[in-house]
């Protein structure tokens, strides 16, 4: 499956209802979730503002998916619920500032290759 198919498949999974039990993430997994949330929200925000094209957004969403797959345990429903909580706790402005400061660090800390 190509990156576009993977992004679509996981976007559909992440956009579905969260049905699994609540999972608490700590330490490295919580950090990975924060990085994934930062990348996904930045991609969506910049695309909606027409500051990023579809291909660039797909890359950020693809990286998000790979971080979640490789560095966060639990079901997709649990990961989705955790991402929603993180999204709701942080403003878009804080997340974009976080992206500017920490995107390279996140990619180094949570490799996708």
C-alpha atoms as a PDB file:
ATOM      1  CA  UNK A   1       0.000   0.000   0.000  1.00  0.00           C
ATOM      2  CA  UNK A   2       1.411   3.409  -0.951  1.00  0.00           C
ATOM      3  CA  UNK A   3       1.690   6.365   1.403  1.00  0.00           C
ATOM      4  CA  UNK A   4      -1.567   7.877   0.097  1.00  0.00           C
ATOM      5  CA  UNK A   5      -3.439   4.633   0.789  1.00  0.00           C
ATOM      6  CA  UNK A   6      -1.870   4.306   4.224  1.00  0.00           C
ATOM      7  CA  UNK A   7      -2.767   7.899   5.106  1.00  0.00           C
ATOM      8  CA  UNK A   8      -6.342   7.377   3.940  1.00  0.00           C
ATOM      9  CA  UNK A   9      -6.723   4.083   5.790  1.00  0.00           C
ATOM     10  CA  UNK A  10      -5.392   5.403   9.070  1.00  0.00           C
ATOM     11  CA  UNK A  11      -7.235   8.714   8.734  1.00  0.00           C
ATOM     12  CA  UNK A  12     -10.448   6.718   8.466  1.00  0.00           C
ATOM     13  CA  UNK A  13      -9.521   4.622  11.494  1.00  0.00           C
ATOM     14  CA  UNK A  14      -8.509   7.675  13.535  1.00  0.00           C
ATOM     15  CA  UNK A  15     -11.662   9.555  12.558  1.00  0.00           C
ATOM     16  CA  UNK A  16     -13.981   6.725  13.647  1.00  0.00           C
ATOM     17  CA  UNK A  17     -15.529   6.556  17.103  1.00  0.00           C
ATOM     18  CA  UNK A  18     -13.291   5.669  20.022  1.00  0.00           C
ATOM     19  CA  UNK A  19     -14.725   2.466  21.466  1.00  0.00           C
ATOM     20  CA  UNK A  20     -11.863   0.930  23.414  1.00  0.00           C
ATOM     21  CA  UNK A  21     -11.204   1.457  27.094  1.00  0.00           C
ATOM     22  CA  UNK A  22      -9.224   4.455  28.216  1.00  0.00           C
ATOM     23  CA  UNK A  23      -5.443   3.975  28.174  1.00  0.00           C
ATOM     24  CA  UNK A  24      -3.006   6.156  30.064  1.00  0.00           C
ATOM     25  CA  UNK A  25       0.198   7.004  28.219  1.00  0.00           C
ATOM     26  CA  UNK A  26       3.335   8.071  30.066  1.00  0.00           C
ATOM     27  CA  UNK A  27       6.990   8.681  29.358  1.00  0.00           C
ATOM     28  CA  UNK A  28       8.228   7.927  25.867  1.00  0.00           C
ATOM     29  CA  UNK A  29       4.779   6.988  24.575  1.00  0.00           C
ATOM     30  CA  UNK A  30       3.299  10.267  25.830  1.00  0.00           C
ATOM     31  CA  UNK A  31       6.147  12.118  24.116  1.00  0.00           C
ATOM     32  CA  UNK A  32       5.523  10.205  20.891  1.00  0.00           C
ATOM     33  CA  UNK A  33       1.828  11.100  21.083  1.00  0.00           C
ATOM     34  CA  UNK A  34       2.700  14.757  21.539  1.00  0.00           C
ATOM     35  CA  UNK A  35       4.969  14.640  18.494  1.00  0.00           C
ATOM     36  CA  UNK A  36       2.329  12.853  16.421  1.00  0.00           C
ATOM     37  CA  UNK A  37      -0.341  15.342  17.481  1.00  0.00           C
ATOM     38  CA  UNK A  38       1.952  18.271  16.694  1.00  0.00           C
ATOM     39  CA  UNK A  39       2.706  16.981  13.186  1.00  0.00           C
ATOM     40  CA  UNK A  40      -0.903  16.106  12.353  1.00  0.00           C
ATOM     41  CA  UNK A  41      -2.415  19.334  13.654  1.00  0.00           C
ATOM     42  CA  UNK A  42       0.261  21.428  11.946  1.00  0.00           C
ATOM     43  CA  UNK A  43      -0.372  19.695   8.630  1.00  0.00           C
ATOM     44  CA  UNK A  44      -4.129  20.159   8.830  1.00  0.00           C
ATOM     45  CA  UNK A  45      -3.873  23.772  10.026  1.00  0.00           C
ATOM     46  CA  UNK A  46      -1.378  24.833   7.365  1.00  0.00           C
ATOM     47  CA  UNK A  47      -3.329  23.043   4.633  1.00  0.00           C
ATOM     48  CA  UNK A  48      -6.585  24.696   5.723  1.00  0.00           C
ATOM     49  CA  UNK A  49      -4.813  28.078   5.614  1.00  0.00           C
ATOM     50  CA  UNK A  50      -3.513  27.209   2.128  1.00  0.00           C
ATOM     51  CA  UNK A  51       0.079  27.492   3.365  1.00  0.00           C
ATOM     52  CA  UNK A  52       0.782  23.856   2.508  1.00  0.00           C
ATOM     53  CA  UNK A  53      -0.307  21.744  -0.422  1.00  0.00           C
ATOM     54  CA  UNK A  54      -2.001  18.342  -0.255  1.00  0.00           C
ATOM     55  CA  UNK A  55       1.239  16.423  -0.830  1.00  0.00           C
ATOM     56  CA  UNK A  56       3.026  18.181   2.029  1.00  0.00           C
ATOM     57  CA  UNK A  57       0.087  17.542   4.352  1.00  0.00           C
ATOM     58  CA  UNK A  58       0.081  13.866   3.359  1.00  0.00           C
ATOM     59  CA  UNK A  59       3.761  13.619   4.294  1.00  0.00           C
ATOM     60  CA  UNK A  60       3.100  15.029   7.777  1.00  0.00           C
ATOM     61  CA  UNK A  61       0.095  12.742   8.253  1.00  0.00           C
ATOM     62  CA  UNK A  62       2.130   9.779   7.026  1.00  0.00           C
ATOM     63  CA  UNK A  63       4.881  10.548   9.543  1.00  0.00           C
ATOM     64  CA  UNK A  64       2.205  10.887  12.235  1.00  0.00           C
ATOM     65  CA  UNK A  65       0.876   7.439  11.392  1.00  0.00           C
ATOM     66  CA  UNK A  66       4.318   5.865  11.457  1.00  0.00           C
ATOM     67  CA  UNK A  67       5.135   7.418  14.842  1.00  0.00           C
ATOM     68  CA  UNK A  68       1.863   6.077  16.244  1.00  0.00           C
ATOM     69  CA  UNK A  69       2.474   2.619  14.755  1.00  0.00           C
ATOM     70  CA  UNK A  70       6.083   2.275  15.865  1.00  0.00           C
ATOM     71  CA  UNK A  71       6.266   4.154  19.150  1.00  0.00           C
ATOM     72  CA  UNK A  72       2.820   4.018  20.796  1.00  0.00           C
ATOM     73  CA  UNK A  73       1.142   0.877  22.122  1.00  0.00           C
ATOM     74  CA  UNK A  74      -2.572   0.176  22.220  1.00  0.00           C
ATOM     75  CA  UNK A  75      -5.376  -0.018  19.730  1.00  0.00           C
ATOM     76  CA  UNK A  76      -6.091   2.647  17.123  1.00  0.00           C
ATOM     77  CA  UNK A  77      -9.153   3.643  19.157  1.00  0.00           C
ATOM     78  CA  UNK A  78      -6.970   4.189  22.235  1.00  0.00           C
ATOM     79  CA  UNK A  79      -4.423   6.162  20.225  1.00  0.00           C
ATOM     80  CA  UNK A  80      -7.217   8.242  18.695  1.00  0.00           C
ATOM     81  CA  UNK A  81      -8.687   9.022  22.112  1.00  0.00           C
ATOM     82  CA  UNK A  82      -5.255  10.054  23.408  1.00  0.00           C
ATOM     83  CA  UNK A  83      -4.654  12.261  20.350  1.00  0.00           C
ATOM     84  CA  UNK A  84      -8.060  13.895  20.861  1.00  0.00           C
ATOM     85  CA  UNK A  85      -7.271  14.634  24.504  1.00  0.00           C
ATOM     86  CA  UNK A  86      -3.938  16.143  23.566  1.00  0.00           C
ATOM     87  CA  UNK A  87      -5.514  18.205  20.802  1.00  0.00           C
ATOM     88  CA  UNK A  88      -8.161  19.514  23.179  1.00  0.00           C
ATOM     89  CA  UNK A  89      -5.604  20.478  25.856  1.00  0.00           C
ATOM     90  CA  UNK A  90      -3.382  22.554  23.586  1.00  0.00           C
ATOM     91  CA  UNK A  91      -4.205  25.588  21.480  1.00  0.00           C
ATOM     92  CA  UNK A  92      -3.412  25.623  17.784  1.00  0.00           C
ATOM     93  CA  UNK A  93      -0.970  28.479  18.417  1.00  0.00           C
ATOM     94  CA  UNK A  94       0.879  26.459  21.068  1.00  0.00           C
ATOM     95  CA  UNK A  95       0.995  23.457  18.762  1.00  0.00           C
ATOM     96  CA  UNK A  96       2.375  25.487  15.837  1.00  0.00           C
ATOM     97  CA  UNK A  97       5.013  27.048  18.099  1.00  0.00           C
ATOM     98  CA  UNK A  98       5.846  23.552  19.348  1.00  0.00           C
ATOM     99  CA  UNK A  99       6.269  22.450  15.714  1.00  0.00           C
ATOM    100  CA  UNK A 100       8.693  25.293  14.984  1.00  0.00           C
ATOM    101  CA  UNK A 101      10.803  24.435  18.029  1.00  0.00           C
ATOM    102  CA  UNK A 102      10.585  20.662  18.158  1.00  0.00           C
ATOM    103  CA  UNK A 103       9.785  19.020  14.813  1.00  0.00           C
ATOM    104  CA  UNK A 104      13.397  18.006  14.064  1.00  0.00           C
ATOM    105  CA  UNK A 105      13.841  16.744  17.632  1.00  0.00           C
ATOM    106  CA  UNK A 106      10.690  14.635  17.364  1.00  0.00           C
ATOM    107  CA  UNK A 107      11.808  13.073  14.106  1.00  0.00           C
ATOM    108  CA  UNK A 108      15.191  12.257  15.630  1.00  0.00           C
ATOM    109  CA  UNK A 109      13.691  10.873  18.828  1.00  0.00           C
ATOM    110  CA  UNK A 110      10.967   8.805  17.126  1.00  0.00           C
ATOM    111  CA  UNK A 111      12.463   7.533  13.861  1.00  0.00           C
ATOM    112  CA  UNK A 112      10.145   6.229  11.163  1.00  0.00           C
ATOM    113  CA  UNK A 113      12.724   4.454   8.972  1.00  0.00           C
END
